[in-house]
């Protein structure tokens, strides 16, 4: 059996197995909408700017936590101690309420245009 036939058969089995699930979900339908990509990119940049100006990330603690989690994932067992994550991110200010309201209003407009 060639690779196309094997993948087709596997896909067919997956679809047949998903059939009852699809029926159970009822009227789940994909929605599509169009948004202005430039607006989304601008909004993303502004949100990142707000985060950068109001959050402090302890790079040493973040690197240590990343190493520890990576070792745990490679070892097969994952146990996360919340104290390992404590203090990695801290607030160093509070964003302007007017800026936050503006960003949230523009985000809500994008979401509303897709409903």
PDB file of N, CA and C in Angstrom:
ATOM      1  N   UNK A   1       0.863  -1.172   0.000  1.00  0.00           N
ATOM      2  CA  UNK A   1       0.000   0.000   0.000  1.00  0.00           C
ATOM      3  C   UNK A   1       0.909   1.234   0.000  1.00  0.00           C
ATOM      4  N   UNK A   2       0.672   2.152  -0.932  1.00  0.00           N
ATOM      5  CA  UNK A   2       1.520   3.347  -1.000  1.00  0.00           C
ATOM      6  C   UNK A   2       1.168   4.326   0.118  1.00  0.00           C
ATOM      7  N   UNK A   3       2.016   5.347   0.282  1.00  0.00           N
ATOM      8  CA  UNK A   3       1.834   6.274   1.409  1.00  0.00           C
ATOM      9  C   UNK A   3       0.536   7.064   1.285  1.00  0.00           C
ATOM     10  N   UNK A   4       0.116   7.407   0.053  1.00  0.00           N
ATOM     11  CA  UNK A   4      -1.136   8.142  -0.114  1.00  0.00           C
ATOM     12  C   UNK A   4      -2.303   7.294   0.354  1.00  0.00           C
ATOM     13  N   UNK A   5      -2.302   6.014  -0.024  1.00  0.00           N
ATOM     14  CA  UNK A   5      -3.400   5.134   0.372  1.00  0.00           C
ATOM     15  C   UNK A   5      -3.434   4.974   1.886  1.00  0.00           C
ATOM     16  N   UNK A   6      -2.250   4.849   2.521  1.00  0.00           N
ATOM     17  CA  UNK A   6      -2.209   4.715   3.974  1.00  0.00           C
ATOM     18  C   UNK A   6      -2.750   5.974   4.648  1.00  0.00           C
ATOM     19  N   UNK A   7      -2.320   7.149   4.164  1.00  0.00           N
ATOM     20  CA  UNK A   7      -2.787   8.385   4.791  1.00  0.00           C
ATOM     21  C   UNK A   7      -4.271   8.593   4.541  1.00  0.00           C
ATOM     22  N   UNK A   8      -4.760   8.216   3.360  1.00  0.00           N
ATOM     23  CA  UNK A   8      -6.183   8.337   3.061  1.00  0.00           C
ATOM     24  C   UNK A   8      -6.985   7.427   3.982  1.00  0.00           C
ATOM     25  N   UNK A   9      -6.500   6.198   4.176  1.00  0.00           N
ATOM     26  CA  UNK A   9      -7.196   5.254   5.044  1.00  0.00           C
ATOM     27  C   UNK A   9      -7.197   5.760   6.480  1.00  0.00           C
ATOM     28  N   UNK A  10      -6.068   6.293   6.934  1.00  0.00           N
ATOM     29  CA  UNK A  10      -5.996   6.828   8.290  1.00  0.00           C
ATOM     30  C   UNK A  10      -6.949   8.008   8.449  1.00  0.00           C
ATOM     31  N   UNK A  11      -7.013   8.878   7.428  1.00  0.00           N
ATOM     32  CA  UNK A  11      -7.915  10.029   7.493  1.00  0.00           C
ATOM     33  C   UNK A  11      -9.373   9.567   7.525  1.00  0.00           C
ATOM     34  N   UNK A  12      -9.671   8.533   6.736  1.00  0.00           N
ATOM     35  CA  UNK A  12     -11.039   8.018   6.702  1.00  0.00           C
ATOM     36  C   UNK A  12     -11.421   7.445   8.067  1.00  0.00           C
ATOM     37  N   UNK A  13     -10.498   6.705   8.691  1.00  0.00           N
ATOM     38  CA  UNK A  13     -10.767   6.164  10.026  1.00  0.00           C
ATOM     39  C   UNK A  13     -10.986   7.288  11.033  1.00  0.00           C
ATOM     40  N   UNK A  14     -10.179   8.334  10.939  1.00  0.00           N
ATOM     41  CA  UNK A  14     -10.312   9.457  11.866  1.00  0.00           C
ATOM     42  C   UNK A  14     -11.660  10.140  11.705  1.00  0.00           C
ATOM     43  N   UNK A  15     -12.100  10.313  10.456  1.00  0.00           N
ATOM     44  CA  UNK A  15     -13.399  10.942  10.212  1.00  0.00           C
ATOM     45  C   UNK A  15     -14.539  10.077  10.727  1.00  0.00           C
ATOM     46  N   UNK A  16     -14.433   8.762  10.522  1.00  0.00           N
ATOM     47  CA  UNK A  16     -15.481   7.876  11.010  1.00  0.00           C
ATOM     48  C   UNK A  16     -15.523   7.878  12.535  1.00  0.00           C
ATOM     49  N   UNK A  17     -14.355   7.934  13.156  1.00  0.00           N
ATOM     50  CA  UNK A  17     -14.300   7.982  14.611  1.00  0.00           C
ATOM     51  C   UNK A  17     -14.827   9.296  15.155  1.00  0.00           C
ATOM     52  N   UNK A  18     -14.668  10.362  14.398  1.00  0.00           N
ATOM     53  CA  UNK A  18     -15.126  11.679  14.850  1.00  0.00           C
ATOM     54  C   UNK A  18     -16.610  11.890  14.589  1.00  0.00           C
ATOM     55  N   UNK A  19     -17.225  11.015  13.815  1.00  0.00           N
ATOM     56  CA  UNK A  19     -18.635  11.168  13.464  1.00  0.00           C
ATOM     57  C   UNK A  19     -19.551  11.330  14.662  1.00  0.00           C
ATOM     58  N   UNK A  20     -19.495  10.404  15.633  1.00  0.00           N
ATOM     59  CA  UNK A  20     -20.369  10.553  16.809  1.00  0.00           C
ATOM     60  C   UNK A  20     -20.089  11.840  17.584  1.00  0.00           C
ATOM     61  N   UNK A  21     -18.821  12.232  17.643  1.00  0.00           N
ATOM     62  CA  UNK A  21     -18.482  13.471  18.330  1.00  0.00           C
ATOM     63  C   UNK A  21     -19.110  14.660  17.623  1.00  0.00           C
ATOM     64  N   UNK A  22     -19.021  14.658  16.296  1.00  0.00           N
ATOM     65  CA  UNK A  22     -19.599  15.757  15.525  1.00  0.00           C
ATOM     66  C   UNK A  22     -21.112  15.822  15.732  1.00  0.00           C
ATOM     67  N   UNK A  23     -21.756  14.681  15.799  1.00  0.00           N
ATOM     68  CA  UNK A  23     -23.195  14.662  16.038  1.00  0.00           C
ATOM     69  C   UNK A  23     -23.524  15.157  17.439  1.00  0.00           C
ATOM     70  N   UNK A  24     -22.670  14.809  18.406  1.00  0.00           N
ATOM     71  CA  UNK A  24     -22.913  15.220  19.777  1.00  0.00           C
ATOM     72  C   UNK A  24     -22.759  16.732  19.944  1.00  0.00           C
ATOM     73  N   UNK A  25     -21.874  17.322  19.158  1.00  0.00           N
ATOM     74  CA  UNK A  25     -21.652  18.756  19.280  1.00  0.00           C
ATOM     75  C   UNK A  25     -22.794  19.567  18.682  1.00  0.00           C
ATOM     76  N   UNK A  26     -23.598  18.948  17.862  1.00  0.00           N
ATOM     77  CA  UNK A  26     -24.759  19.638  17.317  1.00  0.00           C
ATOM     78  C   UNK A  26     -24.403  20.614  16.222  1.00  0.00           C
ATOM     79  N   UNK A  27     -24.791  21.860  16.405  1.00  0.00           N
ATOM     80  CA  UNK A  27     -24.675  22.837  15.333  1.00  0.00           C
ATOM     81  C   UNK A  27     -23.392  23.659  15.423  1.00  0.00           C
ATOM     82  N   UNK A  28     -22.304  23.026  15.770  1.00  0.00           N
ATOM     83  CA  UNK A  28     -21.030  23.750  15.798  1.00  0.00           C
ATOM     84  C   UNK A  28     -20.625  24.049  14.363  1.00  0.00           C
ATOM     85  N   UNK A  29     -20.465  25.314  14.062  1.00  0.00           N
ATOM     86  CA  UNK A  29     -20.118  25.717  12.708  1.00  0.00           C
ATOM     87  C   UNK A  29     -18.943  26.679  12.758  1.00  0.00           C
ATOM     88  N   UNK A  30     -18.138  26.606  11.732  1.00  0.00           N
ATOM     89  CA  UNK A  30     -17.025  27.546  11.634  1.00  0.00           C
ATOM     90  C   UNK A  30     -17.560  28.899  11.186  1.00  0.00           C
ATOM     91  N   UNK A  31     -17.029  29.948  11.781  1.00  0.00           N
ATOM     92  CA  UNK A  31     -17.426  31.293  11.394  1.00  0.00           C
ATOM     93  C   UNK A  31     -16.245  31.960  10.712  1.00  0.00           C
ATOM     94  N   UNK A  32     -16.542  32.735   9.725  1.00  0.00           N
ATOM     95  CA  UNK A  32     -15.482  33.493   9.067  1.00  0.00           C
ATOM     96  C   UNK A  32     -15.878  34.961   9.069  1.00  0.00           C
ATOM     97  N   UNK A  33     -14.873  35.787   9.079  1.00  0.00           N
ATOM     98  CA  UNK A  33     -15.108  37.212   8.975  1.00  0.00           C
ATOM     99  C   UNK A  33     -13.835  37.841   8.438  1.00  0.00           C
ATOM    100  N   UNK A  34     -13.936  39.063   8.040  1.00  0.00           N
ATOM    101  CA  UNK A  34     -12.735  39.747   7.556  1.00  0.00           C
ATOM    102  C   UNK A  34     -12.453  40.935   8.465  1.00  0.00           C
ATOM    103  N   UNK A  35     -11.196  41.087   8.800  1.00  0.00           N
ATOM    104  CA  UNK A  35     -10.774  42.196   9.635  1.00  0.00           C
ATOM    105  C   UNK A  35      -9.600  42.885   8.957  1.00  0.00           C
ATOM    106  N   UNK A  36      -9.387  44.110   9.314  1.00  0.00           N
ATOM    107  CA  UNK A  36      -8.273  44.871   8.764  1.00  0.00           C
ATOM    108  C   UNK A  36      -6.994  44.417   9.463  1.00  0.00           C
ATOM    109  N   UNK A  37      -6.115  43.774   8.733  1.00  0.00           N
ATOM    110  CA  UNK A  37      -4.889  43.231   9.296  1.00  0.00           C
ATOM    111  C   UNK A  37      -4.010  44.328   9.876  1.00  0.00           C
ATOM    112  N   UNK A  38      -3.992  45.483   9.239  1.00  0.00           N
ATOM    113  CA  UNK A  38      -3.192  46.592   9.763  1.00  0.00           C
ATOM    114  C   UNK A  38      -3.688  47.020  11.145  1.00  0.00           C
ATOM    115  N   UNK A  39      -5.009  47.038  11.326  1.00  0.00           N
ATOM    116  CA  UNK A  39      -5.585  47.412  12.621  1.00  0.00           C
ATOM    117  C   UNK A  39      -5.205  46.379  13.687  1.00  0.00           C
ATOM    118  N   UNK A  40      -5.262  45.106  13.329  1.00  0.00           N
ATOM    119  CA  UNK A  40      -4.902  44.045  14.281  1.00  0.00           C
ATOM    120  C   UNK A  40      -3.426  44.147  14.654  1.00  0.00           C
ATOM    121  N   UNK A  41      -2.566  44.385  13.678  1.00  0.00           N
ATOM    122  CA  UNK A  41      -1.134  44.516  13.955  1.00  0.00           C
ATOM    123  C   UNK A  41      -0.844  45.748  14.811  1.00  0.00           C
ATOM    124  N   UNK A  42      -1.516  46.848  14.541  1.00  0.00           N
ATOM    125  CA  UNK A  42      -1.346  48.058  15.347  1.00  0.00           C
ATOM    126  C   UNK A  42      -1.798  47.809  16.778  1.00  0.00           C
ATOM    127  N   UNK A  43      -2.933  47.151  16.922  1.00  0.00           N
ATOM    128  CA  UNK A  43      -3.466  46.836  18.247  1.00  0.00           C
ATOM    129  C   UNK A  43      -2.507  45.920  19.004  1.00  0.00           C
ATOM    130  N   UNK A  44      -1.971  44.928  18.328  1.00  0.00           N
ATOM    131  CA  UNK A  44      -1.009  44.007  18.939  1.00  0.00           C
ATOM    132  C   UNK A  44       0.219  44.769  19.427  1.00  0.00           C
ATOM    133  N   UNK A  45       0.728  45.671  18.610  1.00  0.00           N
ATOM    134  CA  UNK A  45       1.899  46.459  18.980  1.00  0.00           C
ATOM    135  C   UNK A  45       1.615  47.320  20.210  1.00  0.00           C
ATOM    136  N   UNK A  46       0.448  47.940  20.237  1.00  0.00           N
ATOM    137  CA  UNK A  46       0.088  48.785  21.378  1.00  0.00           C
ATOM    138  C   UNK A  46      -0.050  47.966  22.665  1.00  0.00           C
ATOM    139  N   UNK A  47      -0.633  46.783  22.560  1.00  0.00           N
ATOM    140  CA  UNK A  47      -0.778  45.918  23.739  1.00  0.00           C
ATOM    141  C   UNK A  47       0.594  45.488  24.243  1.00  0.00           C
ATOM    142  N   UNK A  48       1.479  45.126  23.329  1.00  0.00           N
ATOM    143  CA  UNK A  48       2.840  44.748  23.740  1.00  0.00           C
ATOM    144  C   UNK A  48       3.579  45.925  24.359  1.00  0.00           C
ATOM    145  N   UNK A  49       3.390  47.127  23.829  1.00  0.00           N
ATOM    146  CA  UNK A  49       4.013  48.323  24.405  1.00  0.00           C
ATOM    147  C   UNK A  49       3.513  48.575  25.826  1.00  0.00           C
ATOM    148  N   UNK A  50       2.209  48.397  26.040  1.00  0.00           N
ATOM    149  CA  UNK A  50       1.637  48.569  27.375  1.00  0.00           C
ATOM    150  C   UNK A  50       2.256  47.543  28.327  1.00  0.00           C
ATOM    151  N   UNK A  51       2.348  46.293  27.882  1.00  0.00           N
ATOM    152  CA  UNK A  51       2.916  45.250  28.731  1.00  0.00           C
ATOM    153  C   UNK A  51       4.387  45.532  29.040  1.00  0.00           C
ATOM    154  N   UNK A  52       5.150  45.931  28.025  1.00  0.00           N
ATOM    155  CA  UNK A  52       6.573  46.189  28.236  1.00  0.00           C
ATOM    156  C   UNK A  52       6.804  47.351  29.195  1.00  0.00           C
ATOM    157  N   UNK A  53       5.960  48.351  29.122  1.00  0.00           N
ATOM    158  CA  UNK A  53       6.174  49.524  29.969  1.00  0.00           C
ATOM    159  C   UNK A  53       5.644  49.336  31.390  1.00  0.00           C
ATOM    160  N   UNK A  54       4.852  48.291  31.629  1.00  0.00           N
ATOM    161  CA  UNK A  54       4.247  48.122  32.949  1.00  0.00           C
ATOM    162  C   UNK A  54       4.586  46.799  33.631  1.00  0.00           C
ATOM    163  N   UNK A  55       5.379  45.956  32.986  1.00  0.00           N
ATOM    164  CA  UNK A  55       5.764  44.676  33.581  1.00  0.00           C
ATOM    165  C   UNK A  55       7.279  44.565  33.626  1.00  0.00           C
ATOM    166  N   UNK A  56       7.772  43.901  34.656  1.00  0.00           N
ATOM    167  CA  UNK A  56       9.196  43.597  34.735  1.00  0.00           C
ATOM    168  C   UNK A  56       9.339  42.081  34.739  1.00  0.00           C
ATOM    169  N   UNK A  57      10.214  41.560  33.898  1.00  0.00           N
ATOM    170  CA  UNK A  57      10.465  40.127  33.830  1.00  0.00           C
ATOM    171  C   UNK A  57      11.871  39.875  34.356  1.00  0.00           C
ATOM    172  N   UNK A  58      11.971  39.041  35.374  1.00  0.00           N
ATOM    173  CA  UNK A  58      13.262  38.646  35.919  1.00  0.00           C
ATOM    174  C   UNK A  58      13.820  37.559  35.009  1.00  0.00           C
ATOM    175  N   UNK A  59      14.776  37.927  34.170  1.00  0.00           N
ATOM    176  CA  UNK A  59      15.287  37.013  33.146  1.00  0.00           C
ATOM    177  C   UNK A  59      15.975  35.792  33.740  1.00  0.00           C
ATOM    178  N   UNK A  60      16.678  35.965  34.846  1.00  0.00           N
ATOM    179  CA  UNK A  60      17.373  34.830  35.457  1.00  0.00           C
ATOM    180  C   UNK A  60      16.380  33.805  36.003  1.00  0.00           C
ATOM    181  N   UNK A  61      15.361  34.293  36.697  1.00  0.00           N
ATOM    182  CA  UNK A  61      14.339  33.375  37.218  1.00  0.00           C
ATOM    183  C   UNK A  61      13.561  32.709  36.091  1.00  0.00           C
ATOM    184  N   UNK A  62      13.261  33.472  35.046  1.00  0.00           N
ATOM    185  CA  UNK A  62      12.529  32.907  33.908  1.00  0.00           C
ATOM    186  C   UNK A  62      13.359  31.818  33.229  1.00  0.00           C
ATOM    187  N   UNK A  63      14.645  32.059  33.050  1.00  0.00           N
ATOM    188  CA  UNK A  63      15.516  31.063  32.416  1.00  0.00           C
ATOM    189  C   UNK A  63      15.627  29.809  33.278  1.00  0.00           C
ATOM    190  N   UNK A  64      15.728  29.993  34.580  1.00  0.00           N
ATOM    191  CA  UNK A  64      15.818  28.838  35.483  1.00  0.00           C
ATOM    192  C   UNK A  64      14.528  28.014  35.443  1.00  0.00           C
ATOM    193  N   UNK A  65      13.380  28.692  35.441  1.00  0.00           N
ATOM    194  CA  UNK A  65      12.098  27.980  35.378  1.00  0.00           C
ATOM    195  C   UNK A  65      11.953  27.260  34.038  1.00  0.00           C
ATOM    196  N   UNK A  66      12.381  27.901  32.963  1.00  0.00           N
ATOM    197  CA  UNK A  66      12.306  27.283  31.638  1.00  0.00           C
ATOM    198  C   UNK A  66      13.177  26.030  31.588  1.00  0.00           C
ATOM    199  N   UNK A  67      14.394  26.128  32.145  1.00  0.00           N
ATOM    200  CA  UNK A  67      15.284  24.954  32.176  1.00  0.00           C
ATOM    201  C   UNK A  67      14.664  23.829  32.984  1.00  0.00           C
ATOM    202  N   UNK A  68      14.129  24.167  34.143  1.00  0.00           N
ATOM    203  CA  UNK A  68      13.543  23.151  35.016  1.00  0.00           C
ATOM    204  C   UNK A  68      12.355  22.463  34.343  1.00  0.00           C
ATOM    205  N   UNK A  69      11.488  23.250  33.711  1.00  0.00           N
ATOM    206  CA  UNK A  69      10.332  22.661  33.013  1.00  0.00           C
ATOM    207  C   UNK A  69      10.783  21.838  31.817  1.00  0.00           C
ATOM    208  N   UNK A  70      11.790  22.325  31.088  1.00  0.00           N
ATOM    209  CA  UNK A  70      12.319  21.570  29.952  1.00  0.00           C
ATOM    210  C   UNK A  70      12.894  20.233  30.383  1.00  0.00           C
ATOM    211  N   UNK A  71      13.642  20.234  31.490  1.00  0.00           N
ATOM    212  CA  UNK A  71      14.196  18.981  32.019  1.00  0.00           C
ATOM    213  C   UNK A  71      13.083  18.032  32.446  1.00  0.00           C
ATOM    214  N   UNK A  72      12.044  18.583  33.079  1.00  0.00           N
ATOM    215  CA  UNK A  72      10.923  17.750  33.519  1.00  0.00           C
ATOM    216  C   UNK A  72      10.189  17.148  32.330  1.00  0.00           C
ATOM    217  N   UNK A  73       9.992  17.935  31.294  1.00  0.00           N
ATOM    218  CA  UNK A  73       9.301  17.420  30.107  1.00  0.00           C
ATOM    219  C   UNK A  73      10.134  16.364  29.401  1.00  0.00           C
ATOM    220  N   UNK A  74      11.445  16.566  29.324  1.00  0.00           N
ATOM    221  CA  UNK A  74      12.316  15.581  28.684  1.00  0.00           C
ATOM    222  C   UNK A  74      12.427  14.314  29.512  1.00  0.00           C
ATOM    223  N   UNK A  75      12.276  14.423  30.828  1.00  0.00           N
ATOM    224  CA  UNK A  75      12.369  13.270  31.709  1.00  0.00           C
ATOM    225  C   UNK A  75      11.101  12.452  31.756  1.00  0.00           C
ATOM    226  N   UNK A  76      10.019  12.968  31.200  1.00  0.00           N
ATOM    227  CA  UNK A  76       8.768  12.220  31.167  1.00  0.00           C
ATOM    228  C   UNK A  76       7.803  12.569  32.284  1.00  0.00           C
ATOM    229  N   UNK A  77       8.302  13.102  33.394  1.00  0.00           N
ATOM    230  CA  UNK A  77       7.420  13.488  34.481  1.00  0.00           C
ATOM    231  C   UNK A  77       7.432  15.003  34.617  1.00  0.00           C
ATOM    232  N   UNK A  78       6.244  15.541  34.788  1.00  0.00           N
ATOM    233  CA  UNK A  78       6.145  16.986  34.930  1.00  0.00           C
ATOM    234  C   UNK A  78       5.463  17.286  36.258  1.00  0.00           C
ATOM    235  N   UNK A  79       6.201  17.951  37.118  1.00  0.00           N
ATOM    236  CA  UNK A  79       5.600  18.460  38.357  1.00  0.00           C
ATOM    237  C   UNK A  79       6.093  19.890  38.504  1.00  0.00           C
ATOM    238  N   UNK A  80       5.160  20.785  38.619  1.00  0.00           N
ATOM    239  CA  UNK A  80       5.489  22.199  38.686  1.00  0.00           C
ATOM    240  C   UNK A  80       5.195  22.698  40.086  1.00  0.00           C
ATOM    241  N   UNK A  81       6.199  23.285  40.676  1.00  0.00           N
ATOM    242  CA  UNK A  81       6.030  23.906  41.985  1.00  0.00           C
ATOM    243  C   UNK A  81       5.732  25.382  41.747  1.00  0.00           C
ATOM    244  N   UNK A  82       4.587  25.867  42.175  1.00  0.00           N
ATOM    245  CA  UNK A  82       4.239  27.269  41.917  1.00  0.00           C
ATOM    246  C   UNK A  82       5.265  28.259  42.439  1.00  0.00           C
ATOM    247  N   UNK A  83       6.003  27.889  43.469  1.00  0.00           N
ATOM    248  CA  UNK A  83       7.009  28.811  43.991  1.00  0.00           C
ATOM    249  C   UNK A  83       8.148  29.029  42.994  1.00  0.00           C
ATOM    250  N   UNK A  84       8.343  28.075  42.062  1.00  0.00           N
ATOM    251  CA  UNK A  84       9.363  28.259  41.029  1.00  0.00           C
ATOM    252  C   UNK A  84       8.985  29.390  40.075  1.00  0.00           C
ATOM    253  N   UNK A  85       7.692  29.643  39.933  1.00  0.00           N
ATOM    254  CA  UNK A  85       7.216  30.662  39.001  1.00  0.00           C
ATOM    255  C   UNK A  85       7.011  32.021  39.674  1.00  0.00           C
ATOM    256  N   UNK A  86       7.009  32.013  41.002  1.00  0.00           N
ATOM    257  CA  UNK A  86       6.742  33.240  41.747  1.00  0.00           C
ATOM    258  C   UNK A  86       7.867  34.254  41.540  1.00  0.00           C
ATOM    259  N   UNK A  87       7.485  35.475  41.245  1.00  0.00           N
ATOM    260  CA  UNK A  87       8.456  36.549  41.109  1.00  0.00           C
ATOM    261  C   UNK A  87       9.068  36.706  39.731  1.00  0.00           C
ATOM    262  N   UNK A  88       8.699  35.868  38.789  1.00  0.00           N
ATOM    263  CA  UNK A  88       9.248  36.004  37.432  1.00  0.00           C
ATOM    264  C   UNK A  88       8.722  37.279  36.791  1.00  0.00           C
ATOM    265  N   UNK A  89       7.429  37.526  36.967  1.00  0.00           N
ATOM    266  CA  UNK A  89       6.810  38.729  36.390  1.00  0.00           C
ATOM    267  C   UNK A  89       6.287  39.588  37.530  1.00  0.00           C
ATOM    268  N   UNK A  90       6.602  40.873  37.496  1.00  0.00           N
ATOM    269  CA  UNK A  90       6.097  41.788  38.506  1.00  0.00           C
ATOM    270  C   UNK A  90       5.675  43.096  37.842  1.00  0.00           C
ATOM    271  N   UNK A  91       4.726  43.752  38.458  1.00  0.00           N
ATOM    272  CA  UNK A  91       4.255  45.038  37.953  1.00  0.00           C
ATOM    273  C   UNK A  91       5.236  46.134  38.318  1.00  0.00           C
ATOM    274  N   UNK A  92       5.479  47.037  37.391  1.00  0.00           N
ATOM    275  CA  UNK A  92       6.320  48.189  37.719  1.00  0.00           C
ATOM    276  C   UNK A  92       5.588  49.496  37.470  1.00  0.00           C
ATOM    277  N   UNK A  93       4.316  49.395  37.223  1.00  0.00           N
ATOM    278  CA  UNK A  93       3.505  50.580  37.002  1.00  0.00           C
ATOM    279  C   UNK A  93       2.082  50.162  36.710  1.00  0.00           C
ATOM    280  N   UNK A  94       1.266  51.159  36.447  1.00  0.00           N
ATOM    281  CA  UNK A  94      -0.130  50.886  36.117  1.00  0.00           C
ATOM    282  C   UNK A  94      -0.449  51.630  34.829  1.00  0.00           C
ATOM    283  N   UNK A  95      -0.968  50.915  33.835  1.00  0.00           N
ATOM    284  CA  UNK A  95      -1.268  51.588  32.571  1.00  0.00           C
ATOM    285  C   UNK A  95      -2.364  52.634  32.732  1.00  0.00           C
ATOM    286  N   UNK A  96      -2.324  53.608  31.872  1.00  0.00           N
ATOM    287  CA  UNK A  96      -3.320  54.670  31.880  1.00  0.00           C
ATOM    288  C   UNK A  96      -4.702  54.085  31.589  1.00  0.00           C
ATOM    289  N   UNK A  97      -5.698  54.414  32.411  1.00  0.00           N
ATOM    290  CA  UNK A  97      -7.049  53.915  32.151  1.00  0.00           C
ATOM    291  C   UNK A  97      -7.581  54.335  30.781  1.00  0.00           C
ATOM    292  N   UNK A  98      -7.242  55.528  30.337  1.00  0.00           N
ATOM    293  CA  UNK A  98      -7.724  55.998  29.030  1.00  0.00           C
ATOM    294  C   UNK A  98      -7.138  55.146  27.901  1.00  0.00           C
ATOM    295  N   UNK A  99      -5.853  54.824  28.016  1.00  0.00           N
ATOM    296  CA  UNK A  99      -5.209  53.985  26.988  1.00  0.00           C
ATOM    297  C   UNK A  99      -5.836  52.596  26.985  1.00  0.00           C
ATOM    298  N   UNK A 100      -6.050  52.046  28.172  1.00  0.00           N
ATOM    299  CA  UNK A 100      -6.653  50.710  28.271  1.00  0.00           C
ATOM    300  C   UNK A 100      -8.076  50.702  27.696  1.00  0.00           C
ATOM    301  N   UNK A 101      -8.858  51.731  27.993  1.00  0.00           N
ATOM    302  CA  UNK A 101     -10.218  51.799  27.464  1.00  0.00           C
ATOM    303  C   UNK A 101     -10.206  51.898  25.942  1.00  0.00           C
ATOM    304  N   UNK A 102      -9.266  52.667  25.392  1.00  0.00           N
ATOM    305  CA  UNK A 102      -9.153  52.809  23.946  1.00  0.00           C
ATOM    306  C   UNK A 102      -8.810  51.473  23.293  1.00  0.00           C
ATOM    307  N   UNK A 103      -7.827  50.782  23.848  1.00  0.00           N
ATOM    308  CA  UNK A 103      -7.407  49.489  23.292  1.00  0.00           C
ATOM    309  C   UNK A 103      -8.554  48.484  23.385  1.00  0.00           C
ATOM    310  N   UNK A 104      -9.206  48.418  24.536  1.00  0.00           N
ATOM    311  CA  UNK A 104     -10.314  47.476  24.703  1.00  0.00           C
ATOM    312  C   UNK A 104     -11.488  47.798  23.778  1.00  0.00           C
ATOM    313  N   UNK A 105     -11.780  49.072  23.575  1.00  0.00           N
ATOM    314  CA  UNK A 105     -12.877  49.457  22.677  1.00  0.00           C
ATOM    315  C   UNK A 105     -12.559  49.033  21.240  1.00  0.00           C
ATOM    316  N   UNK A 106     -11.319  49.250  20.813  1.00  0.00           N
ATOM    317  CA  UNK A 106     -10.946  48.848  19.460  1.00  0.00           C
ATOM    318  C   UNK A 106     -10.964  47.329  19.306  1.00  0.00           C
ATOM    319  N   UNK A 107     -10.547  46.605  20.338  1.00  0.00           N
ATOM    320  CA  UNK A 107     -10.599  45.142  20.310  1.00  0.00           C
ATOM    321  C   UNK A 107     -12.047  44.663  20.251  1.00  0.00           C
ATOM    322  N   UNK A 108     -12.923  45.278  21.021  1.00  0.00           N
ATOM    323  CA  UNK A 108     -14.337  44.915  20.987  1.00  0.00           C
ATOM    324  C   UNK A 108     -14.956  45.194  19.616  1.00  0.00           C
ATOM    325  N   UNK A 109     -14.538  46.256  18.958  1.00  0.00           N
ATOM    326  CA  UNK A 109     -15.040  46.534  17.613  1.00  0.00           C
ATOM    327  C   UNK A 109     -14.639  45.444  16.630  1.00  0.00           C
ATOM    328  N   UNK A 110     -13.410  44.959  16.759  1.00  0.00           N
ATOM    329  CA  UNK A 110     -12.959  43.878  15.883  1.00  0.00           C
ATOM    330  C   UNK A 110     -13.775  42.623  16.151  1.00  0.00           C
ATOM    331  N   UNK A 111     -13.973  42.299  17.420  1.00  0.00           N
ATOM    332  CA  UNK A 111     -14.758  41.120  17.776  1.00  0.00           C
ATOM    333  C   UNK A 111     -16.198  41.257  17.297  1.00  0.00           C
ATOM    334  N   UNK A 112     -16.786  42.433  17.483  1.00  0.00           N
ATOM    335  CA  UNK A 112     -18.172  42.659  17.066  1.00  0.00           C
ATOM    336  C   UNK A 112     -18.333  42.539  15.551  1.00  0.00           C
ATOM    337  N   UNK A 113     -17.297  42.911  14.813  1.00  0.00           N
ATOM    338  CA  UNK A 113     -17.398  42.821  13.352  1.00  0.00           C
ATOM    339  C   UNK A 113     -17.402  41.381  12.872  1.00  0.00           C
ATOM    340  N   UNK A 114     -17.026  40.452  13.737  1.00  0.00           N
ATOM    341  CA  UNK A 114     -16.983  39.038  13.354  1.00  0.00           C
ATOM    342  C   UNK A 114     -18.176  38.248  13.872  1.00  0.00           C
ATOM    343  N   UNK A 115     -19.146  38.905  14.441  1.00  0.00           N
ATOM    344  CA  UNK A 115     -20.291  38.144  14.978  1.00  0.00           C
ATOM    345  C   UNK A 115     -21.497  38.282  14.075  1.00  0.00           C
TER     346      UNK A 115
END
